[in-house]
Amino acid sequence: MMRRMPRRARRANSRGTDPHDRRGRREAGASHPLCHARRASWRCGRSTTCSVFVLSRGAYSPVRLAALGSDGEKTRMSRARCQTMHTLPFLLAGGLIVGTPASAETIRVCPEGSQMQSCDFTGNDAVQEAVDRAVDGDVIRLAAGRYIPSSYRDVPFEDIVARGYVVIRGKRLAIEGSDGTVLDGREGTPTIAFVLEDADVSFRNLEISDFRWGEEEDDIYDGHGIFAIDSRVRASDIVMRGIVKMALTGRGRTLIDGSALRLVDGHLGIWLEEAAHAHVRDSVITGGDSAGIATYDDSTLHLFNSVVANNTDDGVYAADHSTILVTHSVIAGNAPYGINAEAKGRVTVRESAMHANAAPANSALAPGQLVIGEDVVQTDPMLDAQWLPKPGSPLLGRDGSGRPIGLTGERP
């Protein structure tokens, strides 16, 4: 069974698969590989089950207290509180993951032909070689230049194989670029730029461009930007341009924290399945020939102070039981809908701006499935070429707190 919307399914390589068939393969109580967590579930309100990760290591006890209450007992909460708690571990974990050890090493990588003397590894395979040598906490620093896929490693996942130019398994690393660092997929082997499995990786200051497929529809996943499986991803100041499939993908129980992302002129910006969650802020997703954001299964995404614009197969789309919350953001110029959903997917937009979409939302859906708050601006947001509000824009400080709608330029 193919997914609804042929263009999304086509470039996801999802031939003959159905996410509902995969959902039952994972035990409901499976532990996240990074957090060594167990899941706690209880009833929230009258009809909603709230599931959170309760982290078992002593160092993470603040999450336990936050999830269960100061006395350690399970608590009842409203439906809105329950939905917020679904993302609690993600919002807190960033400050609780073990920091870089004192013995951390910086590994320096240079592109093919570099004459720099300080390189630990040089060439198109140098990034993978550095990953292989690295241990938890190491920083891999990529010098400016082009890195072209010349080899690959395959990562089996359920019924597909993710073909990665750089594959990171079971490690906690930071990968940092310099001005002018580009992973360029126009030449060389068709691959995914980065495949993560059971890993915890921070990406900063990179451009990933023009990664392409070998075969448009088969069981080999290629042509993606970052493809994360049961992993923790922190990505900041990342440009992904011309990616022929999905720029940023979260599968399994992946947690993504993205800021200052520029996902432009590709196929689809952010794709989540299973129980993945993404928290994205100060980012631009524009010019895709499919949706800007698409979520499936039980995944969740929170979008803050961002722009989703000029995508041709919906701006924001939620299917199955997935949920998307958009706040202080701009959804503009998308077709056929600014926001859309299918099955029991839900999208809520608050304190944002929606303008010049072919239609703001799919009006055929059930009431409450697509929510556009009364605090949403539906006039011209007056943005400049960098998607920032111009002086006099109705977005500036609209909510009375001084917090603007749209990009802020803040960095974590």
Foldseek 3Di string as FASTA:
>chain_A
DFDPDVLQRLQQLQPPHDQVVVQVVDDPQDAQLQQRWGWDWDDEPDDDIAIATDRDDPLPCVLQCVCDNVVSHRDYYHPVVSVVRLCVCLVPVVVRRDAQDPPAEEAEEEEPPDPDPRHPYYYLLRVQVVLVPGAARYEYEYEADEREQAAWDWDDDDQAIATESHEHEQHEYEYEYDVRAEHEHPDHDQHEHYEYESYEYEYEQYEYEQRDDPDSHDRYNGQEYYAYESYEYEYENYEYYARAHEHEEYEDAYEYEYEAYEDEQYAEYYEYERAYEYEYEQYEQENHQAEPYEYEDAYEYEYAQAEQEHYEHEDEEYEDQYEYEYELEEQEHYPPENYEYYDQYAYEYALAEYEHHVYHYDPVDDPRRYYYDPNYHYDPQCADPVRHGDPPGCQQCVVVPRDGRHHDPDDD
